[in-house]
Amino acid sequence: MNKFSMVLMLILGGALSACNTTRGLGEDVEATGEGIQNAAEKAEEELEDAVD
């Protein structure tokens, strides 16, 4: 295997793993946002119950 093929394989491998990493990061951010939203809704419900 020549050096060009080796470098090309490394670049393609890095690009493919970056796609998976980006997708995973997006899923983590989404899950965090949903968790914050759920906590805010729960706090709002508890506040409404305390006022009533």
PDB file of N, CA and C in Angstrom:
ATOM      1  N   MET A   1       0.858  -1.168   0.000  1.00  0.00           N
ATOM      2  CA  MET A   1       0.000   0.000   0.000  1.00  0.00           C
ATOM      3  C   MET A   1       0.908   1.237   0.000  1.00  0.00           C
ATOM      4  N   ASN A   2       0.643   2.146  -0.921  1.00  0.00           N
ATOM      5  CA  ASN A   2       1.501   3.328  -0.976  1.00  0.00           C
ATOM      6  C   ASN A   2       1.047   4.377   0.040  1.00  0.00           C
ATOM      7  N   LYS A   3       1.849   5.392   0.197  1.00  0.00           N
ATOM      8  CA  LYS A   3       1.574   6.415   1.213  1.00  0.00           C
ATOM      9  C   LYS A   3       0.289   7.181   0.921  1.00  0.00           C
ATOM     10  N   PHE A   4       0.008   7.447  -0.361  1.00  0.00           N
ATOM     11  CA  PHE A   4      -1.203   8.181  -0.709  1.00  0.00           C
ATOM     12  C   PHE A   4      -2.446   7.409  -0.280  1.00  0.00           C
ATOM     13  N   SER A   5      -2.470   6.128  -0.542  1.00  0.00           N
ATOM     14  CA  SER A   5      -3.616   5.297  -0.157  1.00  0.00           C
ATOM     15  C   SER A   5      -3.774   5.269   1.363  1.00  0.00           C
ATOM     16  N   MET A   6      -2.675   5.191   2.057  1.00  0.00           N
ATOM     17  CA  MET A   6      -2.701   5.158   3.514  1.00  0.00           C
ATOM     18  C   MET A   6      -3.263   6.466   4.078  1.00  0.00           C
ATOM     19  N   VAL A   7      -2.802   7.592   3.555  1.00  0.00           N
ATOM     20  CA  VAL A   7      -3.284   8.903   4.001  1.00  0.00           C
ATOM     21  C   VAL A   7      -4.761   9.059   3.669  1.00  0.00           C
ATOM     22  N   LEU A   8      -5.159   8.638   2.484  1.00  0.00           N
ATOM     23  CA  LEU A   8      -6.556   8.724   2.068  1.00  0.00           C
ATOM     24  C   LEU A   8      -7.449   7.900   2.999  1.00  0.00           C
ATOM     25  N   MET A   9      -7.029   6.722   3.360  1.00  0.00           N
ATOM     26  CA  MET A   9      -7.806   5.875   4.279  1.00  0.00           C
ATOM     27  C   MET A   9      -7.929   6.526   5.655  1.00  0.00           C
ATOM     28  N   LEU A  10      -6.863   7.142   6.138  1.00  0.00           N
ATOM     29  CA  LEU A  10      -6.907   7.818   7.427  1.00  0.00           C
ATOM     30  C   LEU A  10      -7.866   9.007   7.401  1.00  0.00           C
ATOM     31  N   ILE A  11      -7.830   9.763   6.317  1.00  0.00           N
ATOM     32  CA  ILE A  11      -8.722  10.921   6.200  1.00  0.00           C
ATOM     33  C   ILE A  11     -10.175  10.460   6.131  1.00  0.00           C
ATOM     34  N   LEU A  12     -10.462   9.475   5.310  1.00  0.00           N
ATOM     35  CA  LEU A  12     -11.834   8.969   5.190  1.00  0.00           C
ATOM     36  C   LEU A  12     -12.318   8.362   6.503  1.00  0.00           C
ATOM     37  N   GLY A  13     -11.467   7.645   7.174  1.00  0.00           N
ATOM     38  CA  GLY A  13     -11.831   7.078   8.477  1.00  0.00           C
ATOM     39  C   GLY A  13     -12.140   8.159   9.490  1.00  0.00           C
ATOM     40  N   GLY A  14     -11.349   9.212   9.505  1.00  0.00           N
ATOM     41  CA  GLY A  14     -11.599  10.333  10.415  1.00  0.00           C
ATOM     42  C   GLY A  14     -12.895  11.042  10.090  1.00  0.00           C
ATOM     43  N   ALA A  15     -13.177  11.218   8.805  1.00  0.00           N
ATOM     44  CA  ALA A  15     -14.407  11.899   8.394  1.00  0.00           C
ATOM     45  C   ALA A  15     -15.630  11.081   8.797  1.00  0.00           C
ATOM     46  N   LEU A  16     -15.565   9.784   8.617  1.00  0.00           N
ATOM     47  CA  LEU A  16     -16.706   8.941   8.982  1.00  0.00           C
ATOM     48  C   LEU A  16     -16.930   8.917  10.487  1.00  0.00           C
ATOM     49  N   SER A  17     -15.878   8.888  11.256  1.00  0.00           N
ATOM     50  CA  SER A  17     -16.044   8.887  12.711  1.00  0.00           C
ATOM     51  C   SER A  17     -16.530  10.241  13.199  1.00  0.00           C
ATOM     52  N   ALA A  18     -16.160  11.314  12.520  1.00  0.00           N
ATOM     53  CA  ALA A  18     -16.632  12.645  12.903  1.00  0.00           C
ATOM     54  C   ALA A  18     -18.132  12.757  12.697  1.00  0.00           C
ATOM     55  N   CYS A  19     -18.659  12.141  11.651  1.00  0.00           N
ATOM     56  CA  CYS A  19     -20.110  12.167  11.420  1.00  0.00           C
ATOM     57  C   CYS A  19     -20.833  11.496  12.580  1.00  0.00           C
ATOM     58  N   ASN A  20     -20.338  10.366  13.004  1.00  0.00           N
ATOM     59  CA  ASN A  20     -20.969   9.656  14.120  1.00  0.00           C
ATOM     60  C   ASN A  20     -20.848  10.472  15.405  1.00  0.00           C
ATOM     61  N   THR A  21     -19.721  11.111  15.605  1.00  0.00           N
ATOM     62  CA  THR A  21     -19.521  11.920  16.803  1.00  0.00           C
ATOM     63  C   THR A  21     -20.471  13.115  16.810  1.00  0.00           C
ATOM     64  N   THR A  22     -20.623  13.754  15.663  1.00  0.00           N
ATOM     65  CA  THR A  22     -21.521  14.899  15.559  1.00  0.00           C
ATOM     66  C   THR A  22     -22.956  14.478  15.809  1.00  0.00           C
ATOM     67  N   ARG A  23     -23.361  13.358  15.249  1.00  0.00           N
ATOM     68  CA  ARG A  23     -24.720  12.863  15.463  1.00  0.00           C
ATOM     69  C   ARG A  23     -24.927  12.550  16.947  1.00  0.00           C
ATOM     70  N   GLY A  24     -23.965  11.911  17.569  1.00  0.00           N
ATOM     71  CA  GLY A  24     -24.068  11.592  18.991  1.00  0.00           C
ATOM     72  C   GLY A  24     -24.136  12.842  19.846  1.00  0.00           C
ATOM     73  N   LEU A  25     -23.356  13.850  19.488  1.00  0.00           N
ATOM     74  CA  LEU A  25     -23.386  15.115  20.219  1.00  0.00           C
ATOM     75  C   LEU A  25     -24.760  15.759  20.081  1.00  0.00           C
ATOM     76  N   GLY A  26     -25.316  15.739  18.892  1.00  0.00           N
ATOM     77  CA  GLY A  26     -26.653  16.294  18.682  1.00  0.00           C
ATOM     78  C   GLY A  26     -27.698  15.585  19.514  1.00  0.00           C
ATOM     79  N   GLU A  27     -27.603  14.278  19.601  1.00  0.00           N
ATOM     80  CA  GLU A  27     -28.544  13.512  20.423  1.00  0.00           C
ATOM     81  C   GLU A  27     -28.384  13.846  21.900  1.00  0.00           C
ATOM     82  N   ASP A  28     -27.149  14.026  22.345  1.00  0.00           N
ATOM     83  CA  ASP A  28     -26.903  14.392  23.742  1.00  0.00           C
ATOM     84  C   ASP A  28     -27.470  15.768  24.064  1.00  0.00           C
ATOM     85  N   VAL A  29     -27.276  16.709  23.153  1.00  0.00           N
ATOM     86  CA  VAL A  29     -27.796  18.060  23.364  1.00  0.00           C
ATOM     87  C   VAL A  29     -29.323  18.028  23.398  1.00  0.00           C
ATOM     88  N   GLU A  30     -29.908  17.260  22.515  1.00  0.00           N
ATOM     89  CA  GLU A  30     -31.374  17.136  22.487  1.00  0.00           C
ATOM     90  C   GLU A  30     -31.892  16.530  23.787  1.00  0.00           C
ATOM     91  N   ALA A  31     -31.255  15.487  24.261  1.00  0.00           N
ATOM     92  CA  ALA A  31     -31.678  14.853  25.508  1.00  0.00           C
ATOM     93  C   ALA A  31     -31.528  15.817  26.689  1.00  0.00           C
ATOM     94  N   THR A  32     -30.470  16.596  26.700  1.00  0.00           N
ATOM     95  CA  THR A  32     -30.274  17.583  27.760  1.00  0.00           C
ATOM     96  C   THR A  32     -31.372  18.632  27.721  1.00  0.00           C
ATOM     97  N   GLY A  33     -31.703  19.107  26.535  1.00  0.00           N
ATOM     98  CA  GLY A  33     -32.771  20.085  26.378  1.00  0.00           C
ATOM     99  C   GLY A  33     -34.113  19.545  26.851  1.00  0.00           C
ATOM    100  N   GLU A  34     -34.393  18.292  26.530  1.00  0.00           N
ATOM    101  CA  GLU A  34     -35.644  17.676  26.980  1.00  0.00           C
ATOM    102  C   GLU A  34     -35.664  17.545  28.498  1.00  0.00           C
ATOM    103  N   GLY A  35     -34.531  17.204  29.079  1.00  0.00           N
ATOM    104  CA  GLY A  35     -34.447  17.105  30.539  1.00  0.00           C
ATOM    105  C   GLY A  35     -34.706  18.445  31.212  1.00  0.00           C
ATOM    106  N   ILE A  36     -34.135  19.498  30.665  1.00  0.00           N
ATOM    107  CA  ILE A  36     -34.342  20.846  31.213  1.00  0.00           C
ATOM    108  C   ILE A  36     -35.808  21.241  31.064  1.00  0.00           C
ATOM    109  N   GLN A  37     -36.384  20.951  29.909  1.00  0.00           N
ATOM    110  CA  GLN A  37     -37.788  21.278  29.674  1.00  0.00           C
ATOM    111  C   GLN A  37     -38.693  20.522  30.652  1.00  0.00           C
ATOM    112  N   ASN A  38     -38.429  19.255  30.871  1.00  0.00           N
ATOM    113  CA  ASN A  38     -39.226  18.462  31.815  1.00  0.00           C
ATOM    114  C   ASN A  38     -39.089  19.008  33.237  1.00  0.00           C
ATOM    115  N   ALA A  39     -37.886  19.383  33.629  1.00  0.00           N
ATOM    116  CA  ALA A  39     -37.673  19.929  34.969  1.00  0.00           C
ATOM    117  C   ALA A  39     -38.406  21.257  35.134  1.00  0.00           C
ATOM    118  N   ALA A  40     -38.398  22.082  34.091  1.00  0.00           N
ATOM    119  CA  ALA A  40     -39.093  23.367  34.156  1.00  0.00           C
ATOM    120  C   ALA A  40     -40.603  23.160  34.257  1.00  0.00           C
ATOM    121  N   GLU A  41     -41.134  22.212  33.507  1.00  0.00           N
ATOM    122  CA  GLU A  41     -42.567  21.928  33.570  1.00  0.00           C
ATOM    123  C   GLU A  41     -42.961  21.393  34.952  1.00  0.00           C
ATOM    124  N   LYS A  42     -42.123  20.534  35.505  1.00  0.00           N
ATOM    125  CA  LYS A  42     -42.401  19.993  36.837  1.00  0.00           C
ATOM    126  C   LYS A  42     -42.360  21.104  37.888  1.00  0.00           C
ATOM    127  N   ALA A  43     -41.380  21.983  37.793  1.00  0.00           N
ATOM    128  CA  ALA A  43     -41.275  23.101  38.739  1.00  0.00           C
ATOM    129  C   ALA A  43     -42.487  24.017  38.615  1.00  0.00           C
ATOM    130  N   GLU A  44     -42.943  24.259  37.399  1.00  0.00           N
ATOM    131  CA  GLU A  44     -44.118  25.099  37.179  1.00  0.00           C
ATOM    132  C   GLU A  44     -45.364  24.468  37.795  1.00  0.00           C
ATOM    133  N   GLU A  45     -45.522  23.149  37.612  1.00  0.00           N
ATOM    134  CA  GLU A  45     -46.665  22.445  38.204  1.00  0.00           C
ATOM    135  C   GLU A  45     -46.623  22.512  39.729  1.00  0.00           C
ATOM    136  N   GLU A  46     -45.440  22.305  40.301  1.00  0.00           N
ATOM    137  CA  GLU A  46     -45.308  22.356  41.753  1.00  0.00           C
ATOM    138  C   GLU A  46     -45.594  23.765  42.280  1.00  0.00           C
ATOM    139  N   LEU A  47     -45.181  24.783  41.558  1.00  0.00           N
ATOM    140  CA  LEU A  47     -45.446  26.152  41.933  1.00  0.00           C
ATOM    141  C   LEU A  47     -46.949  26.459  41.883  1.00  0.00           C
ATOM    142  N   GLU A  48     -47.594  25.980  40.840  1.00  0.00           N
ATOM    143  CA  GLU A  48     -49.046  26.172  40.729  1.00  0.00           C
ATOM    144  C   GLU A  48     -49.781  25.460  41.868  1.00  0.00           C
ATOM    145  N   ASP A  49     -49.327  24.257  42.215  1.00  0.00           N
ATOM    146  CA  ASP A  49     -49.953  23.503  43.311  1.00  0.00           C
ATOM    147  C   ASP A  49     -49.750  24.232  44.650  1.00  0.00           C
ATOM    148  N   ALA A  50     -48.585  24.843  44.828  1.00  0.00           N
ATOM    149  CA  ALA A  50     -48.287  25.544  46.081  1.00  0.00           C
ATOM    150  C   ALA A  50     -49.134  26.812  46.209  1.00  0.00           C
ATOM    151  N   VAL A  51     -49.415  27.464  45.089  1.00  0.00           N
ATOM    152  CA  VAL A  51     -50.202  28.689  45.089  1.00  0.00           C
ATOM    153  C   VAL A  51     -51.670  28.379  45.349  1.00  0.00           C
ATOM    154  N   ASP A  52     -52.152  27.264  44.823  1.00  0.00           N
ATOM    155  CA  ASP A  52     -53.567  26.891  44.990  1.00  0.00           C
ATOM    156  C   ASP A  52     -53.817  26.424  46.358  1.00  0.00           C
TER     157      ASP A  52
END
